[in-house]
N, C-alpha and C. Protein backbone atom coordinates (compact mmCIF):
# COMPACT_ATOMS: atom_id res chain seq x y z
N MET A 1 0.84 -1.18 0.00
CA MET A 1 0.00 0.00 0.00
C MET A 1 0.89 1.24 0.00
N THR A 2 0.33 2.34 -0.41
CA THR A 2 1.04 3.61 -0.39
C THR A 2 0.74 4.32 0.93
N VAL A 3 1.79 4.80 1.58
CA VAL A 3 1.63 5.56 2.82
C VAL A 3 2.14 6.98 2.54
N LEU A 4 1.28 7.95 2.79
CA LEU A 4 1.60 9.37 2.55
C LEU A 4 1.81 10.08 3.87
N TYR A 5 2.79 10.99 3.88
CA TYR A 5 3.09 11.78 5.07
C TYR A 5 3.02 13.26 4.70
N PHE A 6 2.35 14.05 5.53
CA PHE A 6 2.18 15.48 5.27
C PHE A 6 2.72 16.33 6.41
N ALA A 7 3.10 17.56 6.07
CA ALA A 7 3.53 18.59 7.02
C ALA A 7 4.71 18.09 7.88
N TRP A 8 4.63 18.28 9.19
CA TRP A 8 5.76 17.91 10.04
C TRP A 8 5.99 16.41 10.11
N VAL A 9 4.98 15.61 9.79
CA VAL A 9 5.18 14.16 9.75
C VAL A 9 6.18 13.83 8.64
N ARG A 10 6.00 14.44 7.48
CA ARG A 10 6.92 14.26 6.35
C ARG A 10 8.31 14.74 6.72
N GLU A 11 8.39 15.87 7.41
CA GLU A 11 9.69 16.42 7.81
C GLU A 11 10.43 15.47 8.74
N ARG A 12 9.74 14.90 9.70
CA ARG A 12 10.39 13.99 10.66
C ARG A 12 10.82 12.68 10.00
N ILE A 13 9.99 12.16 9.11
CA ILE A 13 10.32 10.89 8.46
C ILE A 13 11.29 11.11 7.30
N GLY A 14 11.17 12.24 6.63
CA GLY A 14 12.07 12.54 5.52
C GLY A 14 11.59 12.05 4.18
N LEU A 15 10.33 11.65 4.11
CA LEU A 15 9.74 11.16 2.86
C LEU A 15 8.32 11.70 2.71
N PRO A 16 7.91 12.04 1.48
CA PRO A 16 6.51 12.43 1.28
C PRO A 16 5.58 11.23 1.18
N LYS A 17 6.13 10.10 0.68
CA LYS A 17 5.33 8.88 0.55
C LYS A 17 6.26 7.69 0.36
N GLU A 18 5.71 6.51 0.60
CA GLU A 18 6.47 5.28 0.36
C GLU A 18 5.49 4.13 0.17
N THR A 19 5.96 3.09 -0.48
CA THR A 19 5.19 1.87 -0.63
C THR A 19 5.59 0.95 0.51
N VAL A 20 4.60 0.44 1.24
CA VAL A 20 4.85 -0.37 2.42
C VAL A 20 4.21 -1.74 2.24
N GLU A 21 5.00 -2.78 2.45
CA GLU A 21 4.47 -4.14 2.54
C GLU A 21 4.14 -4.36 4.01
N THR A 22 2.92 -4.73 4.29
CA THR A 22 2.50 -4.84 5.68
C THR A 22 1.55 -6.01 5.89
N THR A 23 1.56 -6.53 7.10
CA THR A 23 0.58 -7.53 7.51
C THR A 23 -0.40 -6.92 8.50
N ALA A 24 -0.34 -5.60 8.67
CA ALA A 24 -1.18 -4.88 9.63
C ALA A 24 -2.66 -5.06 9.29
N ALA A 25 -3.46 -5.29 10.32
CA ALA A 25 -4.91 -5.42 10.15
C ALA A 25 -5.62 -4.08 10.31
N THR A 26 -5.02 -3.18 11.10
CA THR A 26 -5.62 -1.87 11.35
C THR A 26 -4.57 -0.78 11.16
N VAL A 27 -5.03 0.46 11.13
CA VAL A 27 -4.10 1.58 11.05
C VAL A 27 -3.15 1.57 12.24
N MET A 28 -3.65 1.27 13.42
CA MET A 28 -2.81 1.24 14.61
C MET A 28 -1.72 0.18 14.48
N ASP A 29 -2.06 -0.97 13.92
CA ASP A 29 -1.05 -2.01 13.68
C ASP A 29 0.03 -1.49 12.73
N LEU A 30 -0.39 -0.76 11.71
CA LEU A 30 0.56 -0.17 10.76
C LEU A 30 1.47 0.83 11.47
N VAL A 31 0.89 1.67 12.32
CA VAL A 31 1.68 2.63 13.09
C VAL A 31 2.72 1.90 13.93
N GLU A 32 2.34 0.81 14.57
CA GLU A 32 3.29 0.05 15.39
C GLU A 32 4.42 -0.52 14.54
N GLU A 33 4.09 -1.02 13.35
CA GLU A 33 5.12 -1.52 12.44
C GLU A 33 6.07 -0.40 12.04
N LEU A 34 5.53 0.76 11.71
CA LEU A 34 6.35 1.89 11.31
C LEU A 34 7.22 2.38 12.46
N ARG A 35 6.65 2.49 13.65
CA ARG A 35 7.41 2.92 14.82
C ARG A 35 8.63 2.03 15.06
N ALA A 36 8.48 0.74 14.81
CA ALA A 36 9.55 -0.22 15.06
C ALA A 36 10.67 -0.15 14.02
N ARG A 37 10.44 0.52 12.91
CA ARG A 37 11.44 0.60 11.84
C ARG A 37 12.70 1.33 12.26
N GLU A 38 12.55 2.58 12.68
CA GLU A 38 13.68 3.43 13.03
C GLU A 38 13.20 4.56 13.93
N GLU A 39 14.16 5.26 14.50
CA GLU A 39 13.87 6.35 15.42
C GLU A 39 13.04 7.46 14.78
N ARG A 40 13.31 7.77 13.52
CA ARG A 40 12.56 8.87 12.87
C ARG A 40 11.07 8.56 12.79
N TYR A 41 10.71 7.30 12.58
CA TYR A 41 9.29 6.91 12.58
C TYR A 41 8.73 6.95 14.00
N ALA A 42 9.52 6.47 14.95
CA ALA A 42 9.08 6.50 16.34
C ALA A 42 8.80 7.93 16.78
N MET A 43 9.65 8.87 16.37
CA MET A 43 9.42 10.29 16.70
C MET A 43 8.16 10.82 16.03
N ALA A 44 7.97 10.51 14.76
CA ALA A 44 6.82 11.02 14.01
C ALA A 44 5.50 10.51 14.59
N PHE A 45 5.51 9.30 15.12
CA PHE A 45 4.28 8.69 15.64
C PHE A 45 4.26 8.62 17.16
N SER A 46 5.03 9.46 17.82
CA SER A 46 5.12 9.41 19.28
C SER A 46 3.86 9.94 19.97
N ASP A 47 3.15 10.87 19.34
CA ASP A 47 1.95 11.46 19.94
C ASP A 47 0.79 11.37 18.94
N LEU A 48 0.05 10.29 18.99
CA LEU A 48 -1.03 10.08 18.02
C LEU A 48 -2.17 11.07 18.18
N SER A 49 -2.27 11.71 19.34
CA SER A 49 -3.32 12.72 19.52
C SER A 49 -3.06 13.94 18.64
N ALA A 50 -1.82 14.08 18.15
CA ALA A 50 -1.46 15.21 17.28
C ALA A 50 -1.54 14.83 15.80
N LEU A 51 -2.11 13.66 15.52
CA LEU A 51 -2.19 13.18 14.14
C LEU A 51 -3.61 12.83 13.74
N ARG A 52 -3.87 12.94 12.47
CA ARG A 52 -5.11 12.46 11.87
C ARG A 52 -4.70 11.45 10.80
N VAL A 53 -5.65 10.62 10.42
CA VAL A 53 -5.38 9.60 9.41
C VAL A 53 -6.53 9.51 8.43
N ALA A 54 -6.19 9.27 7.17
CA ALA A 54 -7.18 9.03 6.13
C ALA A 54 -6.83 7.71 5.45
N VAL A 55 -7.85 6.92 5.19
CA VAL A 55 -7.69 5.64 4.50
C VAL A 55 -8.44 5.75 3.19
N ASP A 56 -7.70 5.55 2.10
CA ASP A 56 -8.27 5.73 0.75
C ASP A 56 -9.04 7.05 0.65
N GLN A 57 -8.42 8.10 1.16
CA GLN A 57 -8.90 9.49 1.11
C GLN A 57 -10.16 9.75 1.92
N GLU A 58 -10.43 8.90 2.90
CA GLU A 58 -11.56 9.10 3.81
C GLU A 58 -11.01 9.26 5.22
N LEU A 59 -11.31 10.36 5.88
CA LEU A 59 -10.88 10.58 7.25
C LEU A 59 -11.43 9.46 8.14
N THR A 60 -10.58 8.90 8.98
CA THR A 60 -11.00 7.78 9.81
C THR A 60 -10.24 7.78 11.13
N GLU A 61 -10.39 6.71 11.90
CA GLU A 61 -9.73 6.57 13.21
C GLU A 61 -8.61 5.54 13.10
N PHE A 62 -7.78 5.47 14.12
CA PHE A 62 -6.65 4.57 14.11
C PHE A 62 -7.05 3.10 14.25
N ASP A 63 -8.29 2.81 14.62
CA ASP A 63 -8.74 1.42 14.69
C ASP A 63 -9.37 0.94 13.38
N ALA A 64 -9.31 1.77 12.33
CA ALA A 64 -9.89 1.40 11.04
C ALA A 64 -9.14 0.21 10.44
N THR A 65 -9.89 -0.66 9.79
CA THR A 65 -9.31 -1.83 9.14
C THR A 65 -8.55 -1.44 7.87
N LEU A 66 -7.56 -2.24 7.53
CA LEU A 66 -6.77 -2.00 6.33
C LEU A 66 -7.07 -3.02 5.23
N ASP A 67 -8.09 -3.81 5.43
CA ASP A 67 -8.46 -4.83 4.45
C ASP A 67 -8.82 -4.18 3.11
N GLY A 68 -8.05 -4.47 2.08
CA GLY A 68 -8.31 -3.94 0.74
C GLY A 68 -7.89 -2.49 0.53
N VAL A 69 -7.26 -1.88 1.51
CA VAL A 69 -6.88 -0.46 1.43
C VAL A 69 -5.66 -0.29 0.52
N ARG A 70 -5.69 0.76 -0.29
CA ARG A 70 -4.57 1.06 -1.19
C ARG A 70 -3.72 2.21 -0.68
N GLU A 71 -4.31 3.12 0.14
CA GLU A 71 -3.58 4.31 0.55
C GLU A 71 -3.94 4.72 1.98
N VAL A 72 -2.90 5.05 2.75
CA VAL A 72 -3.08 5.58 4.10
C VAL A 72 -2.29 6.88 4.17
N ALA A 73 -2.91 7.93 4.69
CA ALA A 73 -2.24 9.23 4.81
C ALA A 73 -2.25 9.69 6.26
N PHE A 74 -1.10 10.19 6.72
CA PHE A 74 -0.96 10.73 8.07
C PHE A 74 -0.67 12.21 7.98
N PHE A 75 -1.36 13.02 8.80
CA PHE A 75 -1.19 14.47 8.75
C PHE A 75 -1.64 15.08 10.07
N PRO A 76 -1.14 16.28 10.39
CA PRO A 76 -1.62 16.97 11.59
C PRO A 76 -3.01 17.52 11.34
N PRO A 77 -3.74 17.84 12.41
CA PRO A 77 -5.07 18.45 12.24
C PRO A 77 -4.97 19.73 11.42
N MET A 78 -5.97 19.97 10.63
CA MET A 78 -6.01 21.19 9.81
C MET A 78 -6.54 22.35 10.64
N THR A 79 -5.99 23.51 10.39
CA THR A 79 -6.52 24.71 11.03
C THR A 79 -6.93 25.68 9.95
N GLY A 80 -7.95 26.41 10.20
CA GLY A 80 -8.43 27.38 9.23
C GLY A 80 -8.09 28.79 9.65
N GLY A 81 -8.37 29.71 8.76
CA GLY A 81 -8.10 31.07 9.18
C GLY A 81 -8.13 32.05 8.07
């Protein structure tokens, strides 16, 4: 699946996107797999309350299933103004 990173998440990881082979059943499982990769991922996902997630371009929660999913995006909350 394709994993997209936006704003400071992209800055911490150092990539705008990557293709990930995963056995994760949920977004949270994917986060745990990513955290275990290297320190930069652990830092980016250290505070999930500061992150939002979209699965196949639909805003969702971290307990969302990844069955059949092609794209997961991580980004900070949007602010308007």
